[in-house]
């Protein structure tokens, strides 16, 4: 019986000793990262609304193109889209404040500065769109975390949240606040 206990203790000792020897021999795992992979580019949805006025329809389509540039965090594209939007606002004789906001986007290469100006454009668009729809729904969406948790709105052609204030960082952050019909 004593020899069985000694054999068992010796076996446990050898197992523990042999397990401890592998600690220094662990090779680090090497993971290769493919840096050629391109970021996902988000496209706007097909606009399924009709308007009472062709200019308002073109304005909304251009607004959606600008919003999509922000979803993609593409300052250069946002500048181009804002320039086109400004031209339509000017043809409608819109308020100076919205023209200044669009011009700020055109002139800036900083997407955060551009996104701040987008707030004023969204407010103007909401005013223009109310009463201008023939059919369909436009979704007023809200992100409570935008601009240091002060929150911000945007308009969307779709129920799905694609946040223009955070892009890929927090793409789905937001909710539908109301509908324009």
C-alpha atoms as a PDB file:
ATOM      1  CA  UNK A   1       0.000   0.000   0.000  1.00  0.00           C
ATOM      2  CA  UNK A   2       2.874   2.367   0.887  1.00  0.00           C
ATOM      3  CA  UNK A   3       4.586   1.636  -2.387  1.00  0.00           C
ATOM      4  CA  UNK A   4       1.331   2.375  -4.244  1.00  0.00           C
ATOM      5  CA  UNK A   5       1.083   5.755  -2.481  1.00  0.00           C
ATOM      6  CA  UNK A   6       4.724   6.502  -3.285  1.00  0.00           C
ATOM      7  CA  UNK A   7       4.189   5.550  -6.921  1.00  0.00           C
ATOM      8  CA  UNK A   8       1.091   7.757  -7.090  1.00  0.00           C
ATOM      9  CA  UNK A   9       2.902  10.733  -5.487  1.00  0.00           C
ATOM     10  CA  UNK A  10       5.848  10.193  -7.839  1.00  0.00           C
ATOM     11  CA  UNK A  11       3.487  10.082 -10.854  1.00  0.00           C
ATOM     12  CA  UNK A  12       1.749  13.319  -9.779  1.00  0.00           C
ATOM     13  CA  UNK A  13       5.124  14.954  -9.210  1.00  0.00           C
ATOM     14  CA  UNK A  14       6.343  13.955 -12.694  1.00  0.00           C
ATOM     15  CA  UNK A  15       3.116  15.196 -14.339  1.00  0.00           C
ATOM     16  CA  UNK A  16       3.358  18.557 -12.585  1.00  0.00           C
ATOM     17  CA  UNK A  17       7.041  18.837 -13.387  1.00  0.00           C
ATOM     18  CA  UNK A  18       6.566  17.971 -17.063  1.00  0.00           C
ATOM     19  CA  UNK A  19       3.709  20.481 -17.476  1.00  0.00           C
ATOM     20  CA  UNK A  20       5.826  23.275 -16.077  1.00  0.00           C
ATOM     21  CA  UNK A  21       8.573  22.781 -18.667  1.00  0.00           C
ATOM     22  CA  UNK A  22       6.377  23.867 -21.606  1.00  0.00           C
ATOM     23  CA  UNK A  23       5.862  27.415 -20.276  1.00  0.00           C
ATOM     24  CA  UNK A  24       9.075  28.775 -21.732  1.00  0.00           C
ATOM     25  CA  UNK A  25       8.560  27.115 -25.131  1.00  0.00           C
ATOM     26  CA  UNK A  26       5.314  28.840 -26.153  1.00  0.00           C
ATOM     27  CA  UNK A  27       5.685  30.505 -29.523  1.00  0.00           C
ATOM     28  CA  UNK A  28       3.802  33.768 -30.084  1.00  0.00           C
ATOM     29  CA  UNK A  29       0.958  33.534 -32.561  1.00  0.00           C
ATOM     30  CA  UNK A  30       1.511  35.601 -35.691  1.00  0.00           C
ATOM     31  CA  UNK A  31      -1.578  37.041 -37.327  1.00  0.00           C
ATOM     32  CA  UNK A  32      -1.313  38.666 -40.725  1.00  0.00           C
ATOM     33  CA  UNK A  33      -3.647  41.556 -41.454  1.00  0.00           C
ATOM     34  CA  UNK A  34      -4.728  42.255 -45.010  1.00  0.00           C
ATOM     35  CA  UNK A  35      -4.249  46.006 -45.387  1.00  0.00           C
ATOM     36  CA  UNK A  36      -5.471  45.965 -48.988  1.00  0.00           C
ATOM     37  CA  UNK A  37      -9.057  45.372 -47.873  1.00  0.00           C
ATOM     38  CA  UNK A  38     -11.213  48.389 -48.698  1.00  0.00           C
ATOM     39  CA  UNK A  39     -13.737  49.952 -46.371  1.00  0.00           C
ATOM     40  CA  UNK A  40     -17.398  49.277 -46.984  1.00  0.00           C
ATOM     41  CA  UNK A  41     -19.087  52.004 -49.025  1.00  0.00           C
ATOM     42  CA  UNK A  42     -22.725  52.604 -48.183  1.00  0.00           C
ATOM     43  CA  UNK A  43     -25.164  53.524 -50.904  1.00  0.00           C
ATOM     44  CA  UNK A  44     -28.437  55.359 -50.479  1.00  0.00           C
ATOM     45  CA  UNK A  45     -31.659  53.403 -50.888  1.00  0.00           C
ATOM     46  CA  UNK A  46     -33.985  53.883 -53.797  1.00  0.00           C
ATOM     47  CA  UNK A  47     -36.217  56.867 -53.016  1.00  0.00           C
ATOM     48  CA  UNK A  48     -39.788  55.598 -52.865  1.00  0.00           C
ATOM     49  CA  UNK A  49     -41.485  58.927 -52.403  1.00  0.00           C
ATOM     50  CA  UNK A  50     -43.011  61.251 -54.940  1.00  0.00           C
ATOM     51  CA  UNK A  51     -43.275  64.983 -54.584  1.00  0.00           C
ATOM     52  CA  UNK A  52     -45.700  67.649 -55.717  1.00  0.00           C
ATOM     53  CA  UNK A  53     -42.787  69.621 -57.186  1.00  0.00           C
ATOM     54  CA  UNK A  54     -39.865  68.370 -59.333  1.00  0.00           C
ATOM     55  CA  UNK A  55     -37.433  70.838 -57.753  1.00  0.00           C
ATOM     56  CA  UNK A  56     -38.249  69.570 -54.265  1.00  0.00           C
ATOM     57  CA  UNK A  57     -37.765  66.004 -55.562  1.00  0.00           C
ATOM     58  CA  UNK A  58     -34.309  66.938 -56.905  1.00  0.00           C
ATOM     59  CA  UNK A  59     -33.507  68.731 -53.656  1.00  0.00           C
ATOM     60  CA  UNK A  60     -34.393  65.681 -51.562  1.00  0.00           C
ATOM     61  CA  UNK A  61     -32.400  63.366 -53.810  1.00  0.00           C
ATOM     62  CA  UNK A  62     -29.394  65.679 -53.466  1.00  0.00           C
ATOM     63  CA  UNK A  63     -29.843  65.860 -49.690  1.00  0.00           C
ATOM     64  CA  UNK A  64     -29.771  62.047 -49.559  1.00  0.00           C
ATOM     65  CA  UNK A  65     -26.530  62.058 -51.585  1.00  0.00           C
ATOM     66  CA  UNK A  66     -25.006  64.456 -49.047  1.00  0.00           C
ATOM     67  CA  UNK A  67     -26.236  62.336 -46.125  1.00  0.00           C
ATOM     68  CA  UNK A  68     -24.709  59.242 -47.756  1.00  0.00           C
ATOM     69  CA  UNK A  69     -21.347  61.018 -48.075  1.00  0.00           C
ATOM     70  CA  UNK A  70     -21.455  61.588 -44.313  1.00  0.00           C
ATOM     71  CA  UNK A  71     -22.440  57.968 -43.649  1.00  0.00           C
ATOM     72  CA  UNK A  72     -19.286  57.051 -45.585  1.00  0.00           C
ATOM     73  CA  UNK A  73     -17.264  59.712 -43.704  1.00  0.00           C
ATOM     74  CA  UNK A  74     -16.151  61.146 -47.037  1.00  0.00           C
ATOM     75  CA  UNK A  75     -15.436  64.872 -46.648  1.00  0.00           C
ATOM     76  CA  UNK A  76     -14.439  65.312 -50.288  1.00  0.00           C
ATOM     77  CA  UNK A  77     -17.681  63.758 -51.568  1.00  0.00           C
ATOM     78  CA  UNK A  78     -19.707  65.763 -49.030  1.00  0.00           C
ATOM     79  CA  UNK A  79     -18.181  68.962 -50.410  1.00  0.00           C
ATOM     80  CA  UNK A  80     -19.244  68.077 -53.962  1.00  0.00           C
ATOM     81  CA  UNK A  81     -22.754  67.056 -52.902  1.00  0.00           C
ATOM     82  CA  UNK A  82     -23.185  70.211 -50.798  1.00  0.00           C
ATOM     83  CA  UNK A  83     -22.210  72.350 -53.773  1.00  0.00           C
ATOM     84  CA  UNK A  84     -24.944  70.703 -55.847  1.00  0.00           C
ATOM     85  CA  UNK A  85     -27.424  71.112 -52.993  1.00  0.00           C
ATOM     86  CA  UNK A  86     -26.557  74.781 -52.611  1.00  0.00           C
ATOM     87  CA  UNK A  87     -27.340  75.385 -56.280  1.00  0.00           C
ATOM     88  CA  UNK A  88     -30.848  73.978 -55.796  1.00  0.00           C
ATOM     89  CA  UNK A  89     -31.390  75.981 -52.592  1.00  0.00           C
ATOM     90  CA  UNK A  90     -30.363  79.134 -54.470  1.00  0.00           C
ATOM     91  CA  UNK A  91     -32.811  78.377 -57.302  1.00  0.00           C
ATOM     92  CA  UNK A  92     -35.578  78.170 -54.681  1.00  0.00           C
ATOM     93  CA  UNK A  93     -34.529  81.492 -53.140  1.00  0.00           C
ATOM     94  CA  UNK A  94     -33.931  79.900 -49.747  1.00  0.00           C
ATOM     95  CA  UNK A  95     -32.859  81.573 -46.541  1.00  0.00           C
ATOM     96  CA  UNK A  96     -29.279  82.847 -46.186  1.00  0.00           C
ATOM     97  CA  UNK A  97     -28.619  80.575 -43.167  1.00  0.00           C
ATOM     98  CA  UNK A  98     -28.994  77.380 -45.203  1.00  0.00           C
ATOM     99  CA  UNK A  99     -26.797  78.800 -47.976  1.00  0.00           C
ATOM    100  CA  UNK A 100     -24.097  79.601 -45.410  1.00  0.00           C
ATOM    101  CA  UNK A 101     -24.362  76.062 -43.980  1.00  0.00           C
ATOM    102  CA  UNK A 102     -24.008  74.440 -47.408  1.00  0.00           C
ATOM    103  CA  UNK A 103     -21.095  76.734 -48.249  1.00  0.00           C
ATOM    104  CA  UNK A 104     -19.383  75.731 -44.995  1.00  0.00           C
ATOM    105  CA  UNK A 105     -19.548  72.091 -46.119  1.00  0.00           C
ATOM    106  CA  UNK A 106     -18.265  72.986 -49.591  1.00  0.00           C
ATOM    107  CA  UNK A 107     -15.255  74.861 -48.205  1.00  0.00           C
ATOM    108  CA  UNK A 108     -14.264  72.490 -45.399  1.00  0.00           C
ATOM    109  CA  UNK A 109     -12.206  69.334 -45.670  1.00  0.00           C
ATOM    110  CA  UNK A 110     -12.967  68.424 -42.037  1.00  0.00           C
ATOM    111  CA  UNK A 111     -15.897  66.012 -41.895  1.00  0.00           C
ATOM    112  CA  UNK A 112     -16.730  66.988 -38.297  1.00  0.00           C
ATOM    113  CA  UNK A 113     -17.110  70.650 -39.280  1.00  0.00           C
ATOM    114  CA  UNK A 114     -19.207  69.552 -42.245  1.00  0.00           C
ATOM    115  CA  UNK A 115     -21.447  67.374 -40.075  1.00  0.00           C
ATOM    116  CA  UNK A 116     -22.120  70.335 -37.776  1.00  0.00           C
ATOM    117  CA  UNK A 117     -23.359  72.375 -40.755  1.00  0.00           C
ATOM    118  CA  UNK A 118     -25.516  69.439 -41.868  1.00  0.00           C
ATOM    119  CA  UNK A 119     -27.797  70.042 -38.864  1.00  0.00           C
ATOM    120  CA  UNK A 120     -28.999  73.393 -40.290  1.00  0.00           C
ATOM    121  CA  UNK A 121     -29.531  71.842 -43.709  1.00  0.00           C
ATOM    122  CA  UNK A 122     -31.667  69.085 -42.191  1.00  0.00           C
ATOM    123  CA  UNK A 123     -33.841  71.669 -40.420  1.00  0.00           C
ATOM    124  CA  UNK A 124     -34.401  73.549 -43.684  1.00  0.00           C
ATOM    125  CA  UNK A 125     -35.142  70.337 -45.566  1.00  0.00           C
ATOM    126  CA  UNK A 126     -37.762  69.298 -43.033  1.00  0.00           C
ATOM    127  CA  UNK A 127     -39.514  72.648 -43.461  1.00  0.00           C
ATOM    128  CA  UNK A 128     -39.464  72.315 -47.252  1.00  0.00           C
ATOM    129  CA  UNK A 129     -40.651  68.712 -47.316  1.00  0.00           C
ATOM    130  CA  UNK A 130     -43.697  69.117 -45.089  1.00  0.00           C
ATOM    131  CA  UNK A 131     -46.665  69.354 -47.424  1.00  0.00           C
ATOM    132  CA  UNK A 132     -44.563  68.539 -50.493  1.00  0.00           C
ATOM    133  CA  UNK A 133     -45.056  64.769 -50.628  1.00  0.00           C
ATOM    134  CA  UNK A 134     -47.445  63.196 -53.087  1.00  0.00           C
ATOM    135  CA  UNK A 135     -46.863  59.663 -51.769  1.00  0.00           C
ATOM    136  CA  UNK A 136     -44.451  57.685 -49.623  1.00  0.00           C
ATOM    137  CA  UNK A 137     -42.743  58.361 -46.316  1.00  0.00           C
ATOM    138  CA  UNK A 138     -39.635  60.239 -45.252  1.00  0.00           C
ATOM    139  CA  UNK A 139     -38.216  59.236 -41.895  1.00  0.00           C
ATOM    140  CA  UNK A 140     -36.917  61.808 -39.439  1.00  0.00           C
ATOM    141  CA  UNK A 141     -34.203  59.989 -37.515  1.00  0.00           C
ATOM    142  CA  UNK A 142     -32.347  60.953 -34.370  1.00  0.00           C
ATOM    143  CA  UNK A 143     -28.999  60.103 -32.790  1.00  0.00           C
ATOM    144  CA  UNK A 144     -28.888  61.014 -29.095  1.00  0.00           C
ATOM    145  CA  UNK A 145     -25.084  60.690 -28.972  1.00  0.00           C
ATOM    146  CA  UNK A 146     -24.231  63.151 -31.749  1.00  0.00           C
ATOM    147  CA  UNK A 147     -22.246  66.236 -30.810  1.00  0.00           C
ATOM    148  CA  UNK A 148     -21.267  65.212 -27.307  1.00  0.00           C
ATOM    149  CA  UNK A 149     -24.655  63.706 -26.428  1.00  0.00           C
ATOM    150  CA  UNK A 150     -26.654  66.806 -27.396  1.00  0.00           C
ATOM    151  CA  UNK A 151     -28.205  64.797 -30.235  1.00  0.00           C
ATOM    152  CA  UNK A 152     -29.001  65.584 -33.853  1.00  0.00           C
ATOM    153  CA  UNK A 153     -31.606  64.747 -36.503  1.00  0.00           C
ATOM    154  CA  UNK A 154     -31.409  63.755 -40.142  1.00  0.00           C
ATOM    155  CA  UNK A 155     -33.906  62.727 -42.797  1.00  0.00           C
ATOM    156  CA  UNK A 156     -33.900  59.358 -44.481  1.00  0.00           C
ATOM    157  CA  UNK A 157     -35.536  57.657 -47.427  1.00  0.00           C
ATOM    158  CA  UNK A 158     -35.468  54.394 -45.470  1.00  0.00           C
ATOM    159  CA  UNK A 159     -36.491  53.022 -42.065  1.00  0.00           C
ATOM    160  CA  UNK A 160     -32.984  51.636 -41.636  1.00  0.00           C
ATOM    161  CA  UNK A 161     -30.577  53.688 -39.562  1.00  0.00           C
ATOM    162  CA  UNK A 162     -27.361  54.745 -41.276  1.00  0.00           C
ATOM    163  CA  UNK A 163     -26.012  57.456 -39.011  1.00  0.00           C
ATOM    164  CA  UNK A 164     -24.427  60.393 -40.892  1.00  0.00           C
ATOM    165  CA  UNK A 165     -22.962  61.862 -37.692  1.00  0.00           C
ATOM    166  CA  UNK A 166     -20.804  58.847 -36.838  1.00  0.00           C
ATOM    167  CA  UNK A 167     -20.502  56.825 -40.050  1.00  0.00           C
ATOM    168  CA  UNK A 168     -18.815  53.452 -39.475  1.00  0.00           C
ATOM    169  CA  UNK A 169     -17.967  54.295 -35.869  1.00  0.00           C
ATOM    170  CA  UNK A 170     -21.609  53.928 -34.835  1.00  0.00           C
ATOM    171  CA  UNK A 171     -23.492  53.286 -38.046  1.00  0.00           C
ATOM    172  CA  UNK A 172     -26.685  51.976 -36.471  1.00  0.00           C
ATOM    173  CA  UNK A 173     -26.883  54.458 -33.578  1.00  0.00           C
ATOM    174  CA  UNK A 174     -30.233  56.204 -33.760  1.00  0.00           C
ATOM    175  CA  UNK A 175     -33.967  55.815 -33.953  1.00  0.00           C
ATOM    176  CA  UNK A 176     -36.914  56.956 -36.037  1.00  0.00           C
ATOM    177  CA  UNK A 177     -38.288  60.060 -34.349  1.00  0.00           C
ATOM    178  CA  UNK A 178     -41.185  60.772 -36.699  1.00  0.00           C
ATOM    179  CA  UNK A 179     -42.446  60.385 -40.249  1.00  0.00           C
ATOM    180  CA  UNK A 180     -43.200  62.950 -42.905  1.00  0.00           C
ATOM    181  CA  UNK A 181     -46.061  61.829 -45.142  1.00  0.00           C
END
